[in-house]
Amino acid sequence: MNMLITGGAGFIGSHLCSELVKKGNHVVCLDNFELGSRENLKDVLDNPLFTLTEGDASSISVLEHVIVENQIEMIFHLAANSDIQKSGVSPEIDFINTFSTSYGVLEAMRRKQVKKLFFASTSAVYGEKTDTKLSEDVGGLSPISYYGGAKLASEAFISSYAYMNNFDVTIFRFPNVIGPGLTHGVIFDFIRKLKMDPLKLQILGDGTQKKPYLYVMDLIDAILKVSLSEEKGVHIYNIGVESATTVKEIADMVCKKMGLPEVQYIYTGGKRGWKGDVPQFQYDLSKIHRRGWKASYTSNEAVEKTLDYVLKE
């Protein structure tokens, strides 16, 4: 199958490129390299089944050209802003990189008659619902970050475009995804801070923020298992693990792995790391489990495995 991955040079997209190529698909990666890198794609750059195109996924004309030139049959739309703290200061980042890329993909699909889509959404669409286990059909979605708002708006446009144009769509609402190639987030930040000052570690919030961390190859396995099926219409899935890890637990694991037993933790205070951060949530994963998928690694195991990889680099 001829497939297009927007944001394919990023952390998650590059892993997906590799696995789809291994399965014999012709994979086209479209990336503007604002967050992604060619280094992430080193395993597939020379593969004849892989094509790299530099361009902006918010440009309908660029997308149309790529679709026609490569006879694209399916799109994996992963291009988006992934730095929620950064867009908290500049909302236009999520309007352009998160929502406008989704609109661009949908309109190019409509014009060029591509019918199958995978969309990378997020737990942030639920907003701050800490008192309930989040199922895919829970109501009253109220994002508290610009990123979450842009993803929810994208889901709404996907729903309308799918109905009007007979698209078949798989939507995954990602949790915190970690693993080889990680470029930002709490693990990355803690390691960077401790390399600068091995005696003190600033921790945003009070350290009790607790979230599920999913290992990236578990995520890729789920994407391949579910999105390549013959399901018709729009299907939304929470994706993640039953367990969760606190920020303090991550700090403890990082310090232990780095051999720093005497680090002083300095908390900035408050229950969240930054404005727009959801301090904790819990998914209902029964829907994805019914599809025969479960994560291989727990949240803590995913953190440990990621640390082992990142600290070797």
C-alpha atoms as a PDB file:
ATOM      1  CA  MET A   1       0.000   0.000   0.000  1.00  0.00           C
ATOM      2  CA  ASN A   2       1.152   3.563  -0.705  1.00  0.00           C
ATOM      3  CA  MET A   3       1.073   5.511   2.566  1.00  0.00           C
ATOM      4  CA  LEU A   4       1.758   9.100   3.591  1.00  0.00           C
ATOM      5  CA  ILE A   5       2.915   9.950   7.123  1.00  0.00           C
ATOM      6  CA  THR A   6       2.748  13.637   8.018  1.00  0.00           C
ATOM      7  CA  GLY A   7       5.260  14.467  10.719  1.00  0.00           C
ATOM      8  CA  GLY A   8       7.058  11.250   9.817  1.00  0.00           C
ATOM      9  CA  ALA A   9      10.484  12.535  10.854  1.00  0.00           C
ATOM     10  CA  GLY A  10       9.346  13.122  14.427  1.00  0.00           C
ATOM     11  CA  PHE A  11       9.704  10.922  17.496  1.00  0.00           C
ATOM     12  CA  ILE A  12       6.647   8.728  16.899  1.00  0.00           C
ATOM     13  CA  GLY A  13       6.401   9.185  13.134  1.00  0.00           C
ATOM     14  CA  SER A  14       9.915   7.919  12.459  1.00  0.00           C
ATOM     15  CA  HIS A  15       9.231   4.672  14.341  1.00  0.00           C
ATOM     16  CA  LEU A  16       6.018   4.255  12.356  1.00  0.00           C
ATOM     17  CA  CYS A  17       7.876   4.858   9.071  1.00  0.00           C
ATOM     18  CA  SER A  18      10.351   2.095   9.902  1.00  0.00           C
ATOM     19  CA  GLU A  19       7.724  -0.470  10.837  1.00  0.00           C
ATOM     20  CA  LEU A  20       5.492   0.205   7.826  1.00  0.00           C
ATOM     21  CA  VAL A  21       8.457  -0.083   5.457  1.00  0.00           C
ATOM     22  CA  LYS A  22       9.430  -3.372   7.105  1.00  0.00           C
ATOM     23  CA  LYS A  23       5.962  -4.661   6.240  1.00  0.00           C
ATOM     24  CA  GLY A  24       6.543  -3.914   2.551  1.00  0.00           C
ATOM     25  CA  ASN A  25       4.576  -0.676   2.197  1.00  0.00           C
ATOM     26  CA  HIS A  26       5.714   2.297   0.130  1.00  0.00           C
ATOM     27  CA  VAL A  27       5.961   5.036   2.749  1.00  0.00           C
ATOM     28  CA  VAL A  28       6.184   8.758   2.012  1.00  0.00           C
ATOM     29  CA  CYS A  29       7.271  10.965   4.911  1.00  0.00           C
ATOM     30  CA  LEU A  30       6.215  14.623   4.795  1.00  0.00           C
ATOM     31  CA  ASP A  31       7.899  16.818   7.389  1.00  0.00           C
ATOM     32  CA  ASN A  32       8.930  20.480   7.690  1.00  0.00           C
ATOM     33  CA  PHE A  33      11.742  19.525  10.113  1.00  0.00           C
ATOM     34  CA  GLU A  34      10.674  22.072  12.707  1.00  0.00           C
ATOM     35  CA  LEU A  35      10.604  19.256  15.291  1.00  0.00           C
ATOM     36  CA  GLY A  36      11.595  16.168  13.308  1.00  0.00           C
ATOM     37  CA  SER A  37      15.052  15.268  11.995  1.00  0.00           C
ATOM     38  CA  ARG A  38      16.676  13.238   9.248  1.00  0.00           C
ATOM     39  CA  GLU A  39      18.671  11.450  11.937  1.00  0.00           C
ATOM     40  CA  ASN A  40      15.435   9.864  13.166  1.00  0.00           C
ATOM     41  CA  LEU A  41      14.994   8.329   9.702  1.00  0.00           C
ATOM     42  CA  LYS A  42      18.506   6.932   9.266  1.00  0.00           C
ATOM     43  CA  ASP A  43      17.222   3.336   9.216  1.00  0.00           C
ATOM     44  CA  VAL A  44      14.959   3.921   6.195  1.00  0.00           C
ATOM     45  CA  LEU A  45      16.515   6.769   4.191  1.00  0.00           C
ATOM     46  CA  ASP A  46      18.213   4.395   1.745  1.00  0.00           C
ATOM     47  CA  ASN A  47      15.296   1.985   1.456  1.00  0.00           C
ATOM     48  CA  PRO A  48      13.699   2.058  -2.018  1.00  0.00           C
ATOM     49  CA  LEU A  49      10.267   1.754  -0.399  1.00  0.00           C
ATOM     50  CA  PHE A  50      10.789   5.050   1.470  1.00  0.00           C
ATOM     51  CA  THR A  51      10.426   8.590   0.128  1.00  0.00           C
ATOM     52  CA  LEU A  52      11.260  11.738   2.107  1.00  0.00           C
ATOM     53  CA  THR A  53       9.586  15.014   1.161  1.00  0.00           C
ATOM     54  CA  GLU A  54      10.256  18.286   2.956  1.00  0.00           C
ATOM     55  CA  GLY A  55       7.144  20.401   3.190  1.00  0.00           C
ATOM     56  CA  ASP A  56       4.360  21.792   5.347  1.00  0.00           C
ATOM     57  CA  ALA A  57       1.351  19.595   6.130  1.00  0.00           C
ATOM     58  CA  SER A  58      -0.853  22.684   6.421  1.00  0.00           C
ATOM     59  CA  SER A  59      -0.317  23.383   2.700  1.00  0.00           C
ATOM     60  CA  ILE A  60      -3.128  21.784   0.686  1.00  0.00           C
ATOM     61  CA  SER A  61      -1.202  22.207  -2.563  1.00  0.00           C
ATOM     62  CA  VAL A  62       1.854  20.416  -1.133  1.00  0.00           C
ATOM     63  CA  LEU A  63      -0.332  17.581   0.126  1.00  0.00           C
ATOM     64  CA  GLU A  64      -2.167  17.272  -3.182  1.00  0.00           C
ATOM     65  CA  HIS A  65       1.136  17.047  -5.065  1.00  0.00           C
ATOM     66  CA  VAL A  66       2.464  14.342  -2.720  1.00  0.00           C
ATOM     67  CA  ILE A  67      -0.788  12.357  -2.928  1.00  0.00           C
ATOM     68  CA  VAL A  68      -0.921  12.408  -6.723  1.00  0.00           C
ATOM     69  CA  GLU A  69       2.800  11.829  -7.327  1.00  0.00           C
ATOM     70  CA  ASN A  70       2.902   8.824  -5.003  1.00  0.00           C
ATOM     71  CA  GLN A  71      -0.623   7.480  -5.575  1.00  0.00           C
ATOM     72  CA  ILE A  72      -1.305   7.656  -1.834  1.00  0.00           C
ATOM     73  CA  GLU A  73      -4.016   5.308  -0.539  1.00  0.00           C
ATOM     74  CA  MET A  74      -3.839   6.039   3.200  1.00  0.00           C
ATOM     75  CA  ILE A  75      -2.633   8.906   5.387  1.00  0.00           C
ATOM     76  CA  PHE A  76      -1.253   8.723   8.918  1.00  0.00           C
ATOM     77  CA  HIS A  77      -1.608  12.268  10.218  1.00  0.00           C
ATOM     78  CA  LEU A  78       0.886  12.802  13.036  1.00  0.00           C
ATOM     79  CA  ALA A  79       2.110  16.318  12.190  1.00  0.00           C
ATOM     80  CA  ALA A  80       1.340  18.630  15.122  1.00  0.00           C
ATOM     81  CA  ASN A  81       2.913  20.799  17.748  1.00  0.00           C
ATOM     82  CA  SER A  82       4.150  18.508  20.515  1.00  0.00           C
ATOM     83  CA  ASP A  83       5.455  21.141  22.939  1.00  0.00           C
ATOM     84  CA  ILE A  84       2.362  22.091  24.956  1.00  0.00           C
ATOM     85  CA  GLN A  85       4.286  24.473  27.222  1.00  0.00           C
ATOM     86  CA  LYS A  86       5.604  26.389  24.207  1.00  0.00           C
ATOM     87  CA  SER A  87       2.165  26.841  22.652  1.00  0.00           C
ATOM     88  CA  GLY A  88       0.839  27.992  26.029  1.00  0.00           C
ATOM     89  CA  VAL A  89       2.797  31.188  25.396  1.00  0.00           C
ATOM     90  CA  SER A  90       2.058  31.348  21.660  1.00  0.00           C
ATOM     91  CA  PRO A  91      -1.424  29.958  20.789  1.00  0.00           C
ATOM     92  CA  GLU A  92      -0.847  30.420  17.063  1.00  0.00           C
ATOM     93  CA  ILE A  93       1.605  27.500  17.207  1.00  0.00           C
ATOM     94  CA  ASP A  94      -1.269  25.082  17.783  1.00  0.00           C
ATOM     95  CA  PHE A  95      -3.588  26.827  15.351  1.00  0.00           C
ATOM     96  CA  ILE A  96      -1.014  26.485  12.563  1.00  0.00           C
ATOM     97  CA  ASN A  97       0.821  23.264  13.431  1.00  0.00           C
ATOM     98  CA  THR A  98      -1.959  21.252  15.074  1.00  0.00           C
ATOM     99  CA  PHE A  99      -5.322  22.362  13.651  1.00  0.00           C
ATOM    100  CA  SER A 100      -4.355  23.763  10.240  1.00  0.00           C
ATOM    101  CA  THR A 101      -2.378  20.635   9.381  1.00  0.00           C
ATOM    102  CA  SER A 102      -5.493  18.558  10.118  1.00  0.00           C
ATOM    103  CA  TYR A 103      -7.640  20.772   7.891  1.00  0.00           C
ATOM    104  CA  GLY A 104      -5.012  20.606   5.149  1.00  0.00           C
ATOM    105  CA  VAL A 105      -4.916  16.807   5.248  1.00  0.00           C
ATOM    106  CA  LEU A 106      -8.712  16.472   5.204  1.00  0.00           C
ATOM    107  CA  GLU A 107      -9.200  18.897   2.325  1.00  0.00           C
ATOM    108  CA  ALA A 108      -6.428  17.279   0.265  1.00  0.00           C
ATOM    109  CA  MET A 109      -8.036  13.882   0.914  1.00  0.00           C
ATOM    110  CA  ARG A 110     -11.395  15.231  -0.257  1.00  0.00           C
ATOM    111  CA  ARG A 111      -9.972  16.729  -3.422  1.00  0.00           C
ATOM    112  CA  LYS A 112      -7.853  13.704  -4.343  1.00  0.00           C
ATOM    113  CA  GLN A 113     -10.251  10.995  -3.164  1.00  0.00           C
ATOM    114  CA  VAL A 114      -8.086   9.390  -0.487  1.00  0.00           C
ATOM    115  CA  LYS A 115     -10.476   7.514   1.796  1.00  0.00           C
ATOM    116  CA  LYS A 116      -8.466   6.098   4.698  1.00  0.00           C
ATOM    117  CA  LEU A 117      -6.974   8.096   7.595  1.00  0.00           C
ATOM    118  CA  PHE A 118      -5.254   7.527  10.929  1.00  0.00           C
ATOM    119  CA  PHE A 119      -5.248  10.532  13.258  1.00  0.00           C
ATOM    120  CA  ALA A 120      -3.055  11.010  16.323  1.00  0.00           C
ATOM    121  CA  SER A 121      -5.221  12.719  18.955  1.00  0.00           C
ATOM    122  CA  THR A 122      -4.572  13.128  22.670  1.00  0.00           C
ATOM    123  CA  SER A 123      -5.831  12.708  26.212  1.00  0.00           C
ATOM    124  CA  ALA A 124      -5.833  16.520  26.361  1.00  0.00           C
ATOM    125  CA  VAL A 125      -9.193  16.617  24.518  1.00  0.00           C
ATOM    126  CA  TYR A 126     -10.925  15.412  27.702  1.00  0.00           C
ATOM    127  CA  GLY A 127      -9.817  18.409  29.734  1.00  0.00           C
ATOM    128  CA  GLU A 128      -9.464  18.132  33.493  1.00  0.00           C
ATOM    129  CA  LYS A 129     -11.650  15.161  34.442  1.00  0.00           C
ATOM    130  CA  THR A 130      -9.718  13.723  37.365  1.00  0.00           C
ATOM    131  CA  ASP A 131     -12.737  12.197  39.095  1.00  0.00           C
ATOM    132  CA  THR A 132     -13.752   9.735  36.388  1.00  0.00           C
ATOM    133  CA  LYS A 133     -12.305   6.929  34.323  1.00  0.00           C
ATOM    134  CA  LEU A 134     -12.228   8.294  30.798  1.00  0.00           C
ATOM    135  CA  SER A 135     -14.027   6.270  28.146  1.00  0.00           C
ATOM    136  CA  GLU A 136     -14.140   7.283  24.486  1.00  0.00           C
ATOM    137  CA  ASP A 137     -17.818   8.259  24.698  1.00  0.00           C
ATOM    138  CA  VAL A 138     -17.623  10.444  27.817  1.00  0.00           C
ATOM    139  CA  GLY A 139     -19.364  13.769  27.252  1.00  0.00           C
ATOM    140  CA  GLY A 140     -18.557  17.358  28.073  1.00  0.00           C
ATOM    141  CA  LEU A 141     -15.096  17.499  26.525  1.00  0.00           C
ATOM    142  CA  SER A 142     -13.509  20.755  27.685  1.00  0.00           C
ATOM    143  CA  PRO A 143      -9.787  21.035  26.877  1.00  0.00           C
ATOM    144  CA  ILE A 144      -7.771  23.375  29.091  1.00  0.00           C
ATOM    145  CA  SER A 145      -4.780  23.812  26.749  1.00  0.00           C
ATOM    146  CA  TYR A 146      -4.569  25.297  23.273  1.00  0.00           C
ATOM    147  CA  TYR A 147      -3.105  21.972  22.145  1.00  0.00           C
ATOM    148  CA  GLY A 148      -6.088  20.027  23.469  1.00  0.00           C
ATOM    149  CA  GLY A 149      -8.459  22.517  21.860  1.00  0.00           C
ATOM    150  CA  ALA A 150      -6.754  22.212  18.474  1.00  0.00           C
ATOM    151  CA  LYS A 151      -6.872  18.408  18.645  1.00  0.00           C
ATOM    152  CA  LEU A 152     -10.563  18.377  19.606  1.00  0.00           C
ATOM    153  CA  ALA A 153     -11.346  20.809  16.790  1.00  0.00           C
ATOM    154  CA  SER A 154      -9.444  18.452  14.469  1.00  0.00           C
ATOM    155  CA  GLU A 155     -11.550  15.515  15.663  1.00  0.00           C
ATOM    156  CA  ALA A 156     -14.705  17.513  14.930  1.00  0.00           C
ATOM    157  CA  PHE A 157     -13.561  18.351  11.403  1.00  0.00           C
ATOM    158  CA  ILE A 158     -12.579  14.713  10.859  1.00  0.00           C
ATOM    159  CA  SER A 159     -16.065  13.607  11.885  1.00  0.00           C
ATOM    160  CA  SER A 160     -17.733  16.006   9.439  1.00  0.00           C
ATOM    161  CA  TYR A 161     -15.335  15.286   6.563  1.00  0.00           C
ATOM    162  CA  ALA A 162     -15.684  11.533   7.131  1.00  0.00           C
ATOM    163  CA  TYR A 163     -19.469  11.743   6.941  1.00  0.00           C
ATOM    164  CA  MET A 164     -19.536  14.025   3.910  1.00  0.00           C
ATOM    165  CA  ASN A 165     -16.876  12.101   1.959  1.00  0.00           C
ATOM    166  CA  ASN A 166     -17.175   8.493   3.177  1.00  0.00           C
ATOM    167  CA  PHE A 167     -13.761   8.424   4.867  1.00  0.00           C
ATOM    168  CA  ASP A 168     -12.756   5.497   7.091  1.00  0.00           C
ATOM    169  CA  VAL A 169     -10.880   6.893  10.081  1.00  0.00           C
ATOM    170  CA  THR A 170      -9.070   5.533  13.119  1.00  0.00           C
ATOM    171  CA  ILE A 171      -8.421   8.048  15.910  1.00  0.00           C
ATOM    172  CA  PHE A 172      -6.077   7.214  18.786  1.00  0.00           C
ATOM    173  CA  ARG A 173      -6.078   9.453  21.847  1.00  0.00           C
ATOM    174  CA  PHE A 174      -2.449   9.214  22.952  1.00  0.00           C
ATOM    175  CA  PRO A 175      -1.240   9.463  26.562  1.00  0.00           C
ATOM    176  CA  ASN A 176       2.390  10.426  27.322  1.00  0.00           C
ATOM    177  CA  VAL A 177       4.466   8.443  24.816  1.00  0.00           C
ATOM    178  CA  ILE A 178       8.138   7.816  25.560  1.00  0.00           C
ATOM    179  CA  GLY A 179      11.031   5.748  24.223  1.00  0.00           C
ATOM    180  CA  PRO A 180      14.052   5.942  21.885  1.00  0.00           C
ATOM    181  CA  GLY A 181      14.291   9.286  20.094  1.00  0.00           C
ATOM    182  CA  LEU A 182      12.493  11.254  22.812  1.00  0.00           C
ATOM    183  CA  THR A 183      13.183  14.988  22.385  1.00  0.00           C
ATOM    184  CA  HIS A 184      11.137  16.682  25.096  1.00  0.00           C
ATOM    185  CA  GLY A 185       9.045  16.048  28.195  1.00  0.00           C
ATOM    186  CA  VAL A 186       9.737  15.425  31.865  1.00  0.00           C
ATOM    187  CA  ILE A 187      12.343  12.657  31.400  1.00  0.00           C
ATOM    188  CA  PHE A 188      14.271  14.666  28.825  1.00  0.00           C
ATOM    189  CA  ASP A 189      14.082  17.810  31.001  1.00  0.00           C
ATOM    190  CA  PHE A 190      15.237  16.067  34.194  1.00  0.00           C
ATOM    191  CA  ILE A 191      18.278  14.566  32.489  1.00  0.00           C
ATOM    192  CA  ARG A 192      19.195  17.913  30.928  1.00  0.00           C
ATOM    193  CA  LYS A 193      18.837  19.755  34.248  1.00  0.00           C
ATOM    194  CA  LEU A 194      20.877  17.197  36.186  1.00  0.00           C
ATOM    195  CA  LYS A 195      23.694  17.304  33.645  1.00  0.00           C
ATOM    196  CA  MET A 196      23.871  21.048  34.247  1.00  0.00           C
ATOM    197  CA  ASP A 197      23.601  20.773  38.061  1.00  0.00           C
ATOM    198  CA  PRO A 198      23.914  17.286  39.594  1.00  0.00           C
ATOM    199  CA  LEU A 199      23.111  18.569  43.089  1.00  0.00           C
ATOM    200  CA  LYS A 200      19.712  20.188  42.562  1.00  0.00           C
ATOM    201  CA  LEU A 201      16.648  19.379  40.479  1.00  0.00           C
ATOM    202  CA  GLN A 202      13.791  21.786  39.912  1.00  0.00           C
ATOM    203  CA  ILE A 203      10.467  19.941  39.640  1.00  0.00           C
ATOM    204  CA  LEU A 204       7.462  21.770  38.221  1.00  0.00           C
ATOM    205  CA  GLY A 205       4.416  21.514  40.470  1.00  0.00           C
ATOM    206  CA  ASP A 206       4.464  19.443  43.648  1.00  0.00           C
ATOM    207  CA  GLY A 207       5.681  16.152  42.133  1.00  0.00           C
ATOM    208  CA  THR A 208       2.391  14.315  42.667  1.00  0.00           C
ATOM    209  CA  GLN A 209       1.229  14.719  39.050  1.00  0.00           C
ATOM    210  CA  LYS A 210       0.510  11.175  37.910  1.00  0.00           C
ATOM    211  CA  LYS A 211       0.102   9.994  34.339  1.00  0.00           C
ATOM    212  CA  PRO A 212       0.297   6.811  32.263  1.00  0.00           C
ATOM    213  CA  TYR A 213       3.471   6.554  30.186  1.00  0.00           C
ATOM    214  CA  LEU A 214       3.295   4.361  27.076  1.00  0.00           C
ATOM    215  CA  TYR A 215       6.390   2.894  25.423  1.00  0.00           C
ATOM    216  CA  VAL A 216       6.568   4.027  21.803  1.00  0.00           C
ATOM    217  CA  MET A 217       6.900   0.544  20.287  1.00  0.00           C
ATOM    218  CA  ASP A 218       3.764  -0.551  22.152  1.00  0.00           C
ATOM    219  CA  LEU A 219       2.007   2.395  20.521  1.00  0.00           C
ATOM    220  CA  ILE A 220       3.318   1.492  17.060  1.00  0.00           C
ATOM    221  CA  ASP A 221       2.117  -2.086  17.554  1.00  0.00           C
ATOM    222  CA  ALA A 222      -1.380  -0.817  18.356  1.00  0.00           C
ATOM    223  CA  ILE A 223      -1.440   1.561  15.383  1.00  0.00           C
ATOM    224  CA  LEU A 224      -0.510  -1.242  13.003  1.00  0.00           C
ATOM    225  CA  LYS A 225      -2.975  -3.676  14.551  1.00  0.00           C
ATOM    226  CA  VAL A 226      -5.997  -1.389  14.499  1.00  0.00           C
ATOM    227  CA  SER A 227      -5.570   1.212  11.759  1.00  0.00           C
ATOM    228  CA  LEU A 228      -4.824  -1.284   8.980  1.00  0.00           C
ATOM    229  CA  SER A 229      -8.082  -3.156   9.573  1.00  0.00           C
ATOM    230  CA  GLU A 230     -11.137  -2.866   7.338  1.00  0.00           C
ATOM    231  CA  GLU A 231     -13.264  -0.939   9.856  1.00  0.00           C
ATOM    232  CA  LYS A 232     -15.698   1.454   8.213  1.00  0.00           C
ATOM    233  CA  GLY A 233     -16.593   4.908   9.480  1.00  0.00           C
ATOM    234  CA  VAL A 234     -14.919   6.775  12.350  1.00  0.00           C
ATOM    235  CA  HIS A 235     -13.565   4.859  15.337  1.00  0.00           C
ATOM    236  CA  ILE A 236     -11.973   6.468  18.397  1.00  0.00           C
ATOM    237  CA  TYR A 237      -9.706   4.578  20.793  1.00  0.00           C
ATOM    238  CA  ASN A 238      -7.994   5.481  24.032  1.00  0.00           C
ATOM    239  CA  ILE A 239      -4.496   4.027  23.904  1.00  0.00           C
ATOM    240  CA  GLY A 240      -2.290   3.507  26.933  1.00  0.00           C
ATOM    241  CA  VAL A 241      -1.551   1.448  30.013  1.00  0.00           C
ATOM    242  CA  GLU A 242      -3.559   0.781  33.174  1.00  0.00           C
ATOM    243  CA  SER A 243      -0.738   1.947  35.450  1.00  0.00           C
ATOM    244  CA  ALA A 244       0.682   5.439  35.942  1.00  0.00           C
ATOM    245  CA  THR A 245       3.832   7.125  37.265  1.00  0.00           C
ATOM    246  CA  THR A 246       4.224  10.274  39.357  1.00  0.00           C
ATOM    247  CA  VAL A 247       6.668  13.046  38.497  1.00  0.00           C
ATOM    248  CA  LYS A 248       8.548  12.385  41.754  1.00  0.00           C
ATOM    249  CA  GLU A 249       8.873   8.693  40.858  1.00  0.00           C
ATOM    250  CA  ILE A 250      10.374   9.709  37.524  1.00  0.00           C
ATOM    251  CA  ALA A 251      12.797  12.034  39.304  1.00  0.00           C
ATOM    252  CA  ASP A 252      13.821   9.206  41.621  1.00  0.00           C
ATOM    253  CA  MET A 253      14.396   6.836  38.692  1.00  0.00           C
ATOM    254  CA  VAL A 254      16.413   9.412  36.756  1.00  0.00           C
ATOM    255  CA  CYS A 255      18.637  10.173  39.761  1.00  0.00           C
ATOM    256  CA  LYS A 256      19.184   6.473  40.438  1.00  0.00           C
ATOM    257  CA  LYS A 257      20.068   5.721  36.804  1.00  0.00           C
ATOM    258  CA  MET A 258      22.482   8.678  36.740  1.00  0.00           C
ATOM    259  CA  GLY A 259      24.108   7.621  40.014  1.00  0.00           C
ATOM    260  CA  LEU A 260      23.077  10.772  41.885  1.00  0.00           C
ATOM    261  CA  PRO A 261      21.771   9.770  45.342  1.00  0.00           C
ATOM    262  CA  GLU A 262      22.018  13.184  47.026  1.00  0.00           C
ATOM    263  CA  VAL A 263      20.016  15.402  44.694  1.00  0.00           C
ATOM    264  CA  GLN A 264      17.917  18.104  46.364  1.00  0.00           C
ATOM    265  CA  TYR A 265      14.448  18.411  44.870  1.00  0.00           C
ATOM    266  CA  ILE A 266      13.134  21.947  44.526  1.00  0.00           C
ATOM    267  CA  TYR A 267       9.383  22.074  43.813  1.00  0.00           C
ATOM    268  CA  THR A 268       7.817  25.106  42.149  1.00  0.00           C
ATOM    269  CA  GLY A 269       4.525  24.297  43.926  1.00  0.00           C
ATOM    270  CA  GLY A 270       0.919  23.863  42.896  1.00  0.00           C
ATOM    271  CA  LYS A 271      -0.834  20.744  41.671  1.00  0.00           C
ATOM    272  CA  ARG A 272       0.121  21.143  37.988  1.00  0.00           C
ATOM    273  CA  GLY A 273       3.394  21.668  36.146  1.00  0.00           C
ATOM    274  CA  TRP A 274       2.193  24.570  33.993  1.00  0.00           C
ATOM    275  CA  LYS A 275      -1.055  26.294  33.025  1.00  0.00           C
ATOM    276  CA  GLY A 276      -2.954  23.897  30.769  1.00  0.00           C
ATOM    277  CA  ASP A 277      -1.324  20.797  32.258  1.00  0.00           C
ATOM    278  CA  VAL A 278      -3.753  18.097  33.417  1.00  0.00           C
ATOM    279  CA  PRO A 279      -2.148  16.747  36.605  1.00  0.00           C
ATOM    280  CA  GLN A 280      -3.636  13.271  36.375  1.00  0.00           C
ATOM    281  CA  PHE A 281      -6.131  11.173  34.450  1.00  0.00           C
ATOM    282  CA  GLN A 282      -7.132   7.550  34.018  1.00  0.00           C
ATOM    283  CA  TYR A 283      -8.251   5.937  30.784  1.00  0.00           C
ATOM    284  CA  ASP A 284     -10.860   3.254  30.294  1.00  0.00           C
ATOM    285  CA  LEU A 285      -8.965   0.948  27.907  1.00  0.00           C
ATOM    286  CA  SER A 286     -11.619  -1.722  27.481  1.00  0.00           C
ATOM    287  CA  LYS A 287     -12.339  -0.757  23.859  1.00  0.00           C
ATOM    288  CA  ILE A 288      -8.753  -1.163  22.619  1.00  0.00           C
ATOM    289  CA  HIS A 289      -8.355  -4.303  24.731  1.00  0.00           C
ATOM    290  CA  ARG A 290     -11.379  -5.812  22.990  1.00  0.00           C
ATOM    291  CA  ARG A 291      -9.477  -5.367  19.739  1.00  0.00           C
ATOM    292  CA  GLY A 292      -6.875  -7.786  21.132  1.00  0.00           C
ATOM    293  CA  TRP A 293      -4.184  -5.251  22.039  1.00  0.00           C
ATOM    294  CA  LYS A 294      -2.522  -4.618  25.401  1.00  0.00           C
ATOM    295  CA  ALA A 295       0.720  -2.820  26.173  1.00  0.00           C
ATOM    296  CA  SER A 296       3.756  -5.003  26.833  1.00  0.00           C
ATOM    297  CA  TYR A 297       5.245  -2.583  29.356  1.00  0.00           C
ATOM    298  CA  THR A 298       3.755  -0.920  32.435  1.00  0.00           C
ATOM    299  CA  SER A 299       4.130   2.829  32.889  1.00  0.00           C
ATOM    300  CA  ASN A 300       7.132   2.431  35.230  1.00  0.00           C
ATOM    301  CA  GLU A 301       8.729  -0.138  32.915  1.00  0.00           C
ATOM    302  CA  ALA A 302       8.331   2.257  29.985  1.00  0.00           C
ATOM    303  CA  VAL A 303      10.104   4.977  31.981  1.00  0.00           C
ATOM    304  CA  GLU A 304      12.924   2.608  32.971  1.00  0.00           C
ATOM    305  CA  LYS A 305      13.362   1.340  29.400  1.00  0.00           C
ATOM    306  CA  THR A 306      13.422   4.890  28.049  1.00  0.00           C
ATOM    307  CA  LEU A 307      16.001   5.991  30.603  1.00  0.00           C
ATOM    308  CA  ASP A 308      18.258   3.086  29.729  1.00  0.00           C
ATOM    309  CA  TYR A 309      18.180   4.093  26.088  1.00  0.00           C
ATOM    310  CA  VAL A 310      18.482   7.873  26.505  1.00  0.00           C
ATOM    311  CA  LEU A 311      21.358   7.691  28.993  1.00  0.00           C
ATOM    312  CA  LYS A 312      23.366   5.493  26.625  1.00  0.00           C
ATOM    313  CA  GLU A 313      23.278   8.149  23.921  1.00  0.00           C
END
